Every structure is written in C-alpha cells, then in structure tokens.
Amino acid sequence: MSELRMGMSREPIEMATKRHGYFPNTFVWRGRRHQVQTVERCWTESSWHGGDQAERHYFRVRCAAGRFDLAQDIQRNEWTLERVAAA
C-alpha cells in the first residue's frame, strides 16, 4: 500500500457507516471497504479562505490494512483520505 503525505492531494473516500453518528466505522477507498478497528486520535482544525472559515475534523484510525488519517469537511460533509501507512 502506498503512503500519502499530509498536505498533498486528498483522495475522496465514501464514509459508509459511523459510530455514534460521529466516528468513522466503515469507509471505502479505491473500491475497497475498510472496517475501523479503533480510533487512535481525533482533532479539529479551522482555516480561513477568502473571508470564510472552513473546519475539518480529522481522525487517525487503525484498520487491518494499516493506519489511516481521514478528514471530514464540516460544511460540505465530504470525506477524504489524508495519509495511509501500511500495517
């Protein structure tokens, strides 16, 4: 599995299910379904773009395939994969 670095192009993912309506539970990346075993860390970042504030929730999760950093654009409810490290 290749490694993506933070700050490089984000890859869209489909968030199939969430735990408690918030935490990632199952997501699809490049046609493959990943079951989250544990959420290791979560945090929120805010930034300003053209006078508008953008907030993103980040989740570092562990799956059988490795560790993934996922992000959710709050306003758009769009999910992306930020980084992956093989198991």
PDB file of N, CA and C in Angstrom:
ATOM      1  N   MET A   1       0.853  -1.170   0.000  1.00  0.00           N
ATOM      2  CA  MET A   1       0.000   0.000   0.000  1.00  0.00           C
ATOM      3  C   MET A   1       0.901   1.235   0.000  1.00  0.00           C
ATOM      4  N   SER A   2       0.615   2.217  -0.806  1.00  0.00           N
ATOM      5  CA  SER A   2       1.431   3.416  -0.888  1.00  0.00           C
ATOM      6  C   SER A   2       1.125   4.354   0.264  1.00  0.00           C
ATOM      7  N   GLU A   3       2.042   5.275   0.513  1.00  0.00           N
ATOM      8  CA  GLU A   3       1.822   6.250   1.568  1.00  0.00           C
ATOM      9  C   GLU A   3       1.577   7.617   0.954  1.00  0.00           C
ATOM     10  N   LEU A   4       0.523   8.266   1.387  1.00  0.00           N
ATOM     11  CA  LEU A   4       0.223   9.639   1.001  1.00  0.00           C
ATOM     12  C   LEU A   4       0.728  10.533   2.117  1.00  0.00           C
ATOM     13  N   ARG A   5       1.202  11.700   1.801  1.00  0.00           N
ATOM     14  CA  ARG A   5       1.702  12.606   2.826  1.00  0.00           C
ATOM     15  C   ARG A   5       0.699  13.709   3.091  1.00  0.00           C
ATOM     16  N   MET A   6       0.685  14.177   4.331  1.00  0.00           N
ATOM     17  CA  MET A   6      -0.182  15.287   4.706  1.00  0.00           C
ATOM     18  C   MET A   6       0.141  16.475   3.805  1.00  0.00           C
ATOM     19  N   GLY A   7      -0.892  17.211   3.418  1.00  0.00           N
ATOM     20  CA  GLY A   7      -0.700  18.398   2.614  1.00  0.00           C
ATOM     21  C   GLY A   7      -0.690  18.122   1.118  1.00  0.00           C
ATOM     22  N   MET A   8      -0.540  16.875   0.706  1.00  0.00           N
ATOM     23  CA  MET A   8      -0.602  16.551  -0.716  1.00  0.00           C
ATOM     24  C   MET A   8      -2.065  16.404  -1.109  1.00  0.00           C
ATOM     25  N   SER A   9      -2.313  16.055  -2.338  1.00  0.00           N
ATOM     26  CA  SER A   9      -3.700  15.970  -2.797  1.00  0.00           C
ATOM     27  C   SER A   9      -4.476  14.954  -1.963  1.00  0.00           C
ATOM     28  N   ARG A  10      -5.648  15.327  -1.604  1.00  0.00           N
ATOM     29  CA  ARG A  10      -6.522  14.471  -0.810  1.00  0.00           C
ATOM     30  C   ARG A  10      -7.304  13.564  -1.740  1.00  0.00           C
ATOM     31  N   GLU A  11      -7.476  12.334  -1.328  1.00  0.00           N
ATOM     32  CA  GLU A  11      -8.273  11.397  -2.112  1.00  0.00           C
ATOM     33  C   GLU A  11      -9.651  11.265  -1.488  1.00  0.00           C
ATOM     34  N   PRO A  12     -10.701  11.416  -2.282  1.00  0.00           N
ATOM     35  CA  PRO A  12     -12.045  11.257  -1.728  1.00  0.00           C
ATOM     36  C   PRO A  12     -12.288   9.810  -1.294  1.00  0.00           C
ATOM     37  N   ILE A  13     -13.040   9.672  -0.215  1.00  0.00           N
ATOM     38  CA  ILE A  13     -13.479   8.362   0.251  1.00  0.00           C
ATOM     39  C   ILE A  13     -14.977   8.431   0.516  1.00  0.00           C
ATOM     40  N   GLU A  14     -15.594   7.265   0.579  1.00  0.00           N
ATOM     41  CA  GLU A  14     -17.008   7.186   0.959  1.00  0.00           C
ATOM     42  C   GLU A  14     -17.068   6.711   2.402  1.00  0.00           C
ATOM     43  N   MET A  15     -17.705   7.495   3.258  1.00  0.00           N
ATOM     44  CA  MET A  15     -17.898   7.075   4.637  1.00  0.00           C
ATOM     45  C   MET A  15     -19.182   6.261   4.669  1.00  0.00           C
ATOM     46  N   ALA A  16     -19.041   4.953   4.754  1.00  0.00           N
ATOM     47  CA  ALA A  16     -20.189   4.044   4.677  1.00  0.00           C
ATOM     48  C   ALA A  16     -20.993   4.043   5.973  1.00  0.00           C
ATOM     49  N   THR A  17     -20.312   3.941   7.126  1.00  0.00           N
ATOM     50  CA  THR A  17     -21.016   3.962   8.415  1.00  0.00           C
ATOM     51  C   THR A  17     -20.172   4.707   9.440  1.00  0.00           C
ATOM     52  N   LYS A  18     -20.855   5.289  10.425  1.00  0.00           N
ATOM     53  CA  LYS A  18     -20.193   5.981  11.529  1.00  0.00           C
ATOM     54  C   LYS A  18     -20.688   5.406  12.853  1.00  0.00           C
ATOM     55  N   ARG A  19     -19.842   5.469  13.870  1.00  0.00           N
ATOM     56  CA  ARG A  19     -20.220   5.092  15.234  1.00  0.00           C
ATOM     57  C   ARG A  19     -20.727   6.321  15.954  1.00  0.00           C
ATOM     58  N   HIS A  20     -21.809   6.159  16.664  1.00  0.00           N
ATOM     59  CA  HIS A  20     -22.387   7.247  17.453  1.00  0.00           C
ATOM     60  C   HIS A  20     -22.657   8.490  16.600  1.00  0.00           C
ATOM     61  N   GLY A  21     -22.847   8.292  15.289  1.00  0.00           N
ATOM     62  CA  GLY A  21     -23.146   9.404  14.393  1.00  0.00           C
ATOM     63  C   GLY A  21     -21.981  10.351  14.152  1.00  0.00           C
ATOM     64  N   TYR A  22     -20.768   9.984  14.595  1.00  0.00           N
ATOM     65  CA  TYR A  22     -19.638  10.911  14.523  1.00  0.00           C
ATOM     66  C   TYR A  22     -18.338  10.236  14.079  1.00  0.00           C
ATOM     67  N   PHE A  23     -17.958   9.130  14.734  1.00  0.00           N
ATOM     68  CA  PHE A  23     -16.676   8.475  14.489  1.00  0.00           C
ATOM     69  C   PHE A  23     -16.750   7.535  13.279  1.00  0.00           C
ATOM     70  N   PRO A  24     -15.704   7.537  12.427  1.00  0.00           N
ATOM     71  CA  PRO A  24     -15.684   6.612  11.292  1.00  0.00           C
ATOM     72  C   PRO A  24     -15.780   5.160  11.766  1.00  0.00           C
ATOM     73  N   ASN A  25     -16.553   4.362  11.055  1.00  0.00           N
ATOM     74  CA  ASN A  25     -16.691   2.942  11.364  1.00  0.00           C
ATOM     75  C   ASN A  25     -16.305   2.081  10.157  1.00  0.00           C
ATOM     76  N   THR A  26     -16.833   2.414   8.985  1.00  0.00           N
ATOM     77  CA  THR A  26     -16.514   1.708   7.741  1.00  0.00           C
ATOM     78  C   THR A  26     -16.401   2.743   6.623  1.00  0.00           C
ATOM     79  N   PHE A  27     -15.325   2.647   5.821  1.00  0.00           N
ATOM     80  CA  PHE A  27     -15.180   3.562   4.698  1.00  0.00           C
ATOM     81  C   PHE A  27     -14.689   2.798   3.481  1.00  0.00           C
ATOM     82  N   VAL A  28     -14.906   3.397   2.306  1.00  0.00           N
ATOM     83  CA  VAL A  28     -14.496   2.788   1.041  1.00  0.00           C
ATOM     84  C   VAL A  28     -13.456   3.699   0.396  1.00  0.00           C
ATOM     85  N   TRP A  29     -12.299   3.116   0.097  1.00  0.00           N
ATOM     86  CA  TRP A  29     -11.205   3.831  -0.554  1.00  0.00           C
ATOM     87  C   TRP A  29     -10.719   2.990  -1.722  1.00  0.00           C
ATOM     88  N   ARG A  30     -10.705   3.573  -2.920  1.00  0.00           N
ATOM     89  CA  ARG A  30     -10.276   2.905  -4.153  1.00  0.00           C
ATOM     90  C   ARG A  30     -11.006   1.574  -4.345  1.00  0.00           C
ATOM     91  N   GLY A  31     -12.310   1.579  -4.043  1.00  0.00           N
ATOM     92  CA  GLY A  31     -13.148   0.412  -4.268  1.00  0.00           C
ATOM     93  C   GLY A  31     -13.056  -0.658  -3.196  1.00  0.00           C
ATOM     94  N   ARG A  32     -12.230  -0.448  -2.187  1.00  0.00           N
ATOM     95  CA  ARG A  32     -12.062  -1.445  -1.123  1.00  0.00           C
ATOM     96  C   ARG A  32     -12.653  -0.937   0.184  1.00  0.00           C
ATOM     97  N   ARG A  33     -13.428  -1.798   0.830  1.00  0.00           N
ATOM     98  CA  ARG A  33     -14.100  -1.451   2.089  1.00  0.00           C
ATOM     99  C   ARG A  33     -13.149  -1.707   3.263  1.00  0.00           C
ATOM    100  N   HIS A  34     -13.053  -0.739   4.175  1.00  0.00           N
ATOM    101  CA  HIS A  34     -12.178  -0.849   5.346  1.00  0.00           C
ATOM    102  C   HIS A  34     -13.015  -0.711   6.619  1.00  0.00           C
ATOM    103  N   GLN A  35     -12.858  -1.663   7.515  1.00  0.00           N
ATOM    104  CA  GLN A  35     -13.537  -1.647   8.809  1.00  0.00           C
ATOM    105  C   GLN A  35     -12.575  -1.042   9.837  1.00  0.00           C
ATOM    106  N   VAL A  36     -13.015   0.015  10.514  1.00  0.00           N
ATOM    107  CA  VAL A  36     -12.187   0.663  11.531  1.00  0.00           C
ATOM    108  C   VAL A  36     -12.179  -0.209  12.783  1.00  0.00           C
ATOM    109  N   GLN A  37     -10.970  -0.557  13.224  1.00  0.00           N
ATOM    110  CA  GLN A  37     -10.823  -1.331  14.458  1.00  0.00           C
ATOM    111  C   GLN A  37     -10.779  -0.417  15.668  1.00  0.00           C
ATOM    112  N   THR A  38     -10.088   0.713  15.528  1.00  0.00           N
ATOM    113  CA  THR A  38     -10.001   1.675  16.619  1.00  0.00           C
ATOM    114  C   THR A  38      -9.740   3.074  16.079  1.00  0.00           C
ATOM    115  N   VAL A  39     -10.252   4.066  16.780  1.00  0.00           N
ATOM    116  CA  VAL A  39      -9.934   5.470  16.500  1.00  0.00           C
ATOM    117  C   VAL A  39      -8.831   5.847  17.475  1.00  0.00           C
ATOM    118  N   GLU A  40      -7.640   6.131  16.952  1.00  0.00           N
ATOM    119  CA  GLU A  40      -6.493   6.422  17.804  1.00  0.00           C
ATOM    120  C   GLU A  40      -6.441   7.876  18.242  1.00  0.00           C
ATOM    121  N   ARG A  41      -6.952   8.754  17.397  1.00  0.00           N
ATOM    122  CA  ARG A  41      -6.877  10.192  17.687  1.00  0.00           C
ATOM    123  C   ARG A  41      -7.903  10.924  16.853  1.00  0.00           C
ATOM    124  N   CYS A  42      -8.438  12.019  17.387  1.00  0.00           N
ATOM    125  CA  CYS A  42      -9.297  12.897  16.592  1.00  0.00           C
ATOM    126  C   CYS A  42      -9.019  14.342  16.994  1.00  0.00           C
ATOM    127  N   TRP A  43      -9.148  15.256  16.027  1.00  0.00           N
ATOM    128  CA  TRP A  43      -8.911  16.667  16.276  1.00  0.00           C
ATOM    129  C   TRP A  43      -9.626  17.485  15.217  1.00  0.00           C
ATOM    130  N   THR A  44      -9.762  18.771  15.485  1.00  0.00           N
ATOM    131  CA  THR A  44     -10.431  19.700  14.574  1.00  0.00           C
ATOM    132  C   THR A  44      -9.472  20.827  14.227  1.00  0.00           C
ATOM    133  N   GLU A  45      -9.460  21.222  12.960  1.00  0.00           N
ATOM    134  CA  GLU A  45      -8.654  22.357  12.508  1.00  0.00           C
ATOM    135  C   GLU A  45      -9.552  23.344  11.786  1.00  0.00           C
ATOM    136  N   SER A  46      -9.284  24.615  12.010  1.00  0.00           N
ATOM    137  CA  SER A  46     -10.021  25.692  11.341  1.00  0.00           C
ATOM    138  C   SER A  46      -9.051  26.490  10.484  1.00  0.00           C
ATOM    139  N   SER A  47      -9.534  26.962   9.354  1.00  0.00           N
ATOM    140  CA  SER A  47      -8.729  27.815   8.490  1.00  0.00           C
ATOM    141  C   SER A  47      -9.643  28.838   7.828  1.00  0.00           C
ATOM    142  N   TRP A  48      -9.023  29.895   7.340  1.00  0.00           N
ATOM    143  CA  TRP A  48      -9.774  30.956   6.668  1.00  0.00           C
ATOM    144  C   TRP A  48      -9.397  30.974   5.198  1.00  0.00           C
ATOM    145  N   HIS A  49     -10.426  31.000   4.320  1.00  0.00           N
ATOM    146  CA  HIS A  49     -10.222  31.057   2.876  1.00  0.00           C
ATOM    147  C   HIS A  49     -11.142  32.131   2.312  1.00  0.00           C
ATOM    148  N   GLY A  50     -10.557  33.200   1.837  1.00  0.00           N
ATOM    149  CA  GLY A  50     -11.346  34.265   1.225  1.00  0.00           C
ATOM    150  C   GLY A  50     -12.409  34.841   2.155  1.00  0.00           C
ATOM    151  N   GLY A  51     -12.096  34.945   3.428  1.00  0.00           N
ATOM    152  CA  GLY A  51     -13.040  35.507   4.388  1.00  0.00           C
ATOM    153  C   GLY A  51     -14.004  34.502   4.986  1.00  0.00           C
ATOM    154  N   ASP A  52     -13.973  33.259   4.516  1.00  0.00           N
ATOM    155  CA  ASP A  52     -14.844  32.211   5.043  1.00  0.00           C
ATOM    156  C   ASP A  52     -14.034  31.248   5.896  1.00  0.00           C
ATOM    157  N   GLN A  53     -14.610  30.848   7.012  1.00  0.00           N
ATOM    158  CA  GLN A  53     -13.957  29.878   7.875  1.00  0.00           C
ATOM    159  C   GLN A  53     -14.311  28.463   7.426  1.00  0.00           C
ATOM    160  N   ALA A  54     -13.302  27.608   7.348  1.00  0.00           N
ATOM    161  CA  ALA A  54     -13.512  26.203   6.999  1.00  0.00           C
ATOM    162  C   ALA A  54     -13.034  25.350   8.163  1.00  0.00           C
ATOM    163  N   GLU A  55     -13.858  24.399   8.575  1.00  0.00           N
ATOM    164  CA  GLU A  55     -13.479  23.492   9.645  1.00  0.00           C
ATOM    165  C   GLU A  55     -13.428  22.071   9.116  1.00  0.00           C
ATOM    166  N   ARG A  56     -12.426  21.344   9.588  1.00  0.00           N
ATOM    167  CA  ARG A  56     -12.280  19.943   9.220  1.00  0.00           C
ATOM    168  C   ARG A  56     -12.042  19.131  10.482  1.00  0.00           C
ATOM    169  N   HIS A  57     -12.751  18.011  10.582  1.00  0.00           N
ATOM    170  CA  HIS A  57     -12.497  17.028  11.630  1.00  0.00           C
ATOM    171  C   HIS A  57     -11.504  16.018  11.067  1.00  0.00           C
ATOM    172  N   TYR A  58     -10.518  15.654  11.845  1.00  0.00           N
ATOM    173  CA  TYR A  58      -9.529  14.648  11.455  1.00  0.00           C
ATOM    174  C   TYR A  58      -9.625  13.457  12.385  1.00  0.00           C
ATOM    175  N   PHE A  59      -9.417  12.267  11.822  1.00  0.00           N
ATOM    176  CA  PHE A  59      -9.473  11.020  12.590  1.00  0.00           C
ATOM    177  C   PHE A  59      -8.308  10.139  12.174  1.00  0.00           C
ATOM    178  N   ARG A  60      -7.498   9.739  13.128  1.00  0.00           N
ATOM    179  CA  ARG A  60      -6.459   8.735  12.864  1.00  0.00           C
ATOM    180  C   ARG A  60      -7.047   7.403  13.303  1.00  0.00           C
ATOM    181  N   VAL A  61      -7.218   6.501  12.332  1.00  0.00           N
ATOM    182  CA  VAL A  61      -7.879   5.226  12.606  1.00  0.00           C
ATOM    183  C   VAL A  61      -6.963   4.065  12.232  1.00  0.00           C
ATOM    184  N   ARG A  62      -7.191   2.941  12.881  1.00  0.00           N
ATOM    185  CA  ARG A  62      -6.465   1.714  12.566  1.00  0.00           C
ATOM    186  C   ARG A  62      -7.442   0.701  12.006  1.00  0.00           C
ATOM    187  N   CYS A  63      -7.035   0.100  10.873  1.00  0.00           N
ATOM    188  CA  CYS A  63      -7.794  -0.960  10.205  1.00  0.00           C
ATOM    189  C   CYS A  63      -6.841  -2.133   9.989  1.00  0.00           C
ATOM    190  N   ALA A  64      -7.346  -3.252   9.524  1.00  0.00           N
ATOM    191  CA  ALA A  64      -6.491  -4.414   9.249  1.00  0.00           C
ATOM    192  C   ALA A  64      -5.394  -4.062   8.237  1.00  0.00           C
ATOM    193  N   ALA A  65      -5.696  -3.157   7.296  1.00  0.00           N
ATOM    194  CA  ALA A  65      -4.743  -2.792   6.240  1.00  0.00           C
ATOM    195  C   ALA A  65      -3.708  -1.764   6.682  1.00  0.00           C
ATOM    196  N   GLY A  66      -3.885  -1.141   7.845  1.00  0.00           N
ATOM    197  CA  GLY A  66      -2.922  -0.141   8.307  1.00  0.00           C
ATOM    198  C   GLY A  66      -3.581   1.001   9.042  1.00  0.00           C
ATOM    199  N   ARG A  67      -2.827   2.089   9.153  1.00  0.00           N
ATOM    200  CA  ARG A  67      -3.299   3.290   9.848  1.00  0.00           C
ATOM    201  C   ARG A  67      -3.645   4.351   8.809  1.00  0.00           C
ATOM    202  N   PHE A  68      -4.794   4.981   8.968  1.00  0.00           N
ATOM    203  CA  PHE A  68      -5.297   5.963   8.017  1.00  0.00           C
ATOM    204  C   PHE A  68      -5.606   7.266   8.742  1.00  0.00           C
ATOM    205  N   ASP A  69      -5.279   8.398   8.124  1.00  0.00           N
ATOM    206  CA  ASP A  69      -5.733   9.700   8.590  1.00  0.00           C
ATOM    207  C   ASP A  69      -6.852  10.129   7.650  1.00  0.00           C
ATOM    208  N   LEU A  70      -8.038  10.280   8.216  1.00  0.00           N
ATOM    209  CA  LEU A  70      -9.230  10.665   7.465  1.00  0.00           C
ATOM    210  C   LEU A  70      -9.635  12.076   7.864  1.00  0.00           C
ATOM    211  N   ALA A  71     -10.253  12.791   6.951  1.00  0.00           N
ATOM    212  CA  ALA A  71     -10.716  14.148   7.248  1.00  0.00           C
ATOM    213  C   ALA A  71     -12.129  14.334   6.725  1.00  0.00           C
ATOM    214  N   GLN A  72     -12.896  15.114   7.486  1.00  0.00           N
ATOM    215  CA  GLN A  72     -14.255  15.459   7.086  1.00  0.00           C
ATOM    216  C   GLN A  72     -14.362  16.973   6.982  1.00  0.00           C
ATOM    217  N   ASP A  73     -14.720  17.465   5.800  1.00  0.00           N
ATOM    218  CA  ASP A  73     -15.033  18.880   5.612  1.00  0.00           C
ATOM    219  C   ASP A  73     -16.415  19.090   6.216  1.00  0.00           C
ATOM    220  N   ILE A  74     -16.494  19.869   7.269  1.00  0.00           N
ATOM    221  CA  ILE A  74     -17.738  20.015   8.021  1.00  0.00           C
ATOM    222  C   ILE A  74     -18.855  20.630   7.177  1.00  0.00           C
ATOM    223  N   GLN A  75     -18.569  21.730   6.481  1.00  0.00           N
ATOM    224  CA  GLN A  75     -19.602  22.421   5.717  1.00  0.00           C
ATOM    225  C   GLN A  75     -20.144  21.567   4.576  1.00  0.00           C
ATOM    226  N   ARG A  76     -19.274  20.820   3.910  1.00  0.00           N
ATOM    227  CA  ARG A  76     -19.690  20.034   2.738  1.00  0.00           C
ATOM    228  C   ARG A  76     -20.008  18.578   3.065  1.00  0.00           C
ATOM    229  N   ASN A  77     -19.650  18.142   4.269  1.00  0.00           N
ATOM    230  CA  ASN A  77     -19.773  16.741   4.661  1.00  0.00           C
ATOM    231  C   ASN A  77     -19.091  15.823   3.638  1.00  0.00           C
ATOM    232  N   GLU A  78     -17.898  16.243   3.207  1.00  0.00           N
ATOM    233  CA  GLU A  78     -17.099  15.448   2.278  1.00  0.00           C
ATOM    234  C   GLU A  78     -15.932  14.844   3.045  1.00  0.00           C
ATOM    235  N   TRP A  79     -15.665  13.576   2.774  1.00  0.00           N
ATOM    236  CA  TRP A  79     -14.598  12.841   3.451  1.00  0.00           C
ATOM    237  C   TRP A  79     -13.437  12.598   2.496  1.00  0.00           C
ATOM    238  N   THR A  80     -12.208  12.719   3.036  1.00  0.00           N
ATOM    239  CA  THR A  80     -11.014  12.465   2.253  1.00  0.00           C
ATOM    240  C   THR A  80     -10.018  11.652   3.063  1.00  0.00           C
ATOM    241  N   LEU A  81      -9.157  10.948   2.344  1.00  0.00           N
ATOM    242  CA  LEU A  81      -8.046  10.245   2.943  1.00  0.00           C
ATOM    243  C   LEU A  81      -6.841  11.184   2.853  1.00  0.00           C
ATOM    244  N   GLU A  82      -6.221  11.456   3.985  1.00  0.00           N
ATOM    245  CA  GLU A  82      -5.088  12.371   4.036  1.00  0.00           C
ATOM    246  C   GLU A  82      -3.752  11.631   4.016  1.00  0.00           C
ATOM    247  N   ARG A  83      -3.704  10.507   4.700  1.00  0.00           N
ATOM    248  CA  ARG A  83      -2.448   9.741   4.787  1.00  0.00           C
ATOM    249  C   ARG A  83      -2.770   8.302   5.140  1.00  0.00           C
ATOM    250  N   VAL A  84      -1.947   7.385   4.634  1.00  0.00           N
ATOM    251  CA  VAL A  84      -2.087   5.965   4.971  1.00  0.00           C
ATOM    252  C   VAL A  84      -0.701   5.371   5.180  1.00  0.00           C
ATOM    253  N   ALA A  85      -0.583   4.522   6.190  1.00  0.00           N
ATOM    254  CA  ALA A  85       0.662   3.788   6.437  1.00  0.00           C
ATOM    255  C   ALA A  85       0.302   2.316   6.524  1.00  0.00           C
ATOM    256  N   ALA A  86       1.013   1.486   5.775  1.00  0.00           N
ATOM    257  CA  ALA A  86       0.716   0.058   5.731  1.00  0.00           C
ATOM    258  C   ALA A  86       0.881  -0.573   7.109  1.00  0.00           C
ATOM    259  N   ALA A  87       0.146  -1.644   7.330  1.00  0.00           N
ATOM    260  CA  ALA A  87       0.190  -2.354   8.621  1.00  0.00           C
ATOM    261  C   ALA A  87       1.543  -3.015   8.815  1.00  0.00           C
TER     262      ALA A  87
END
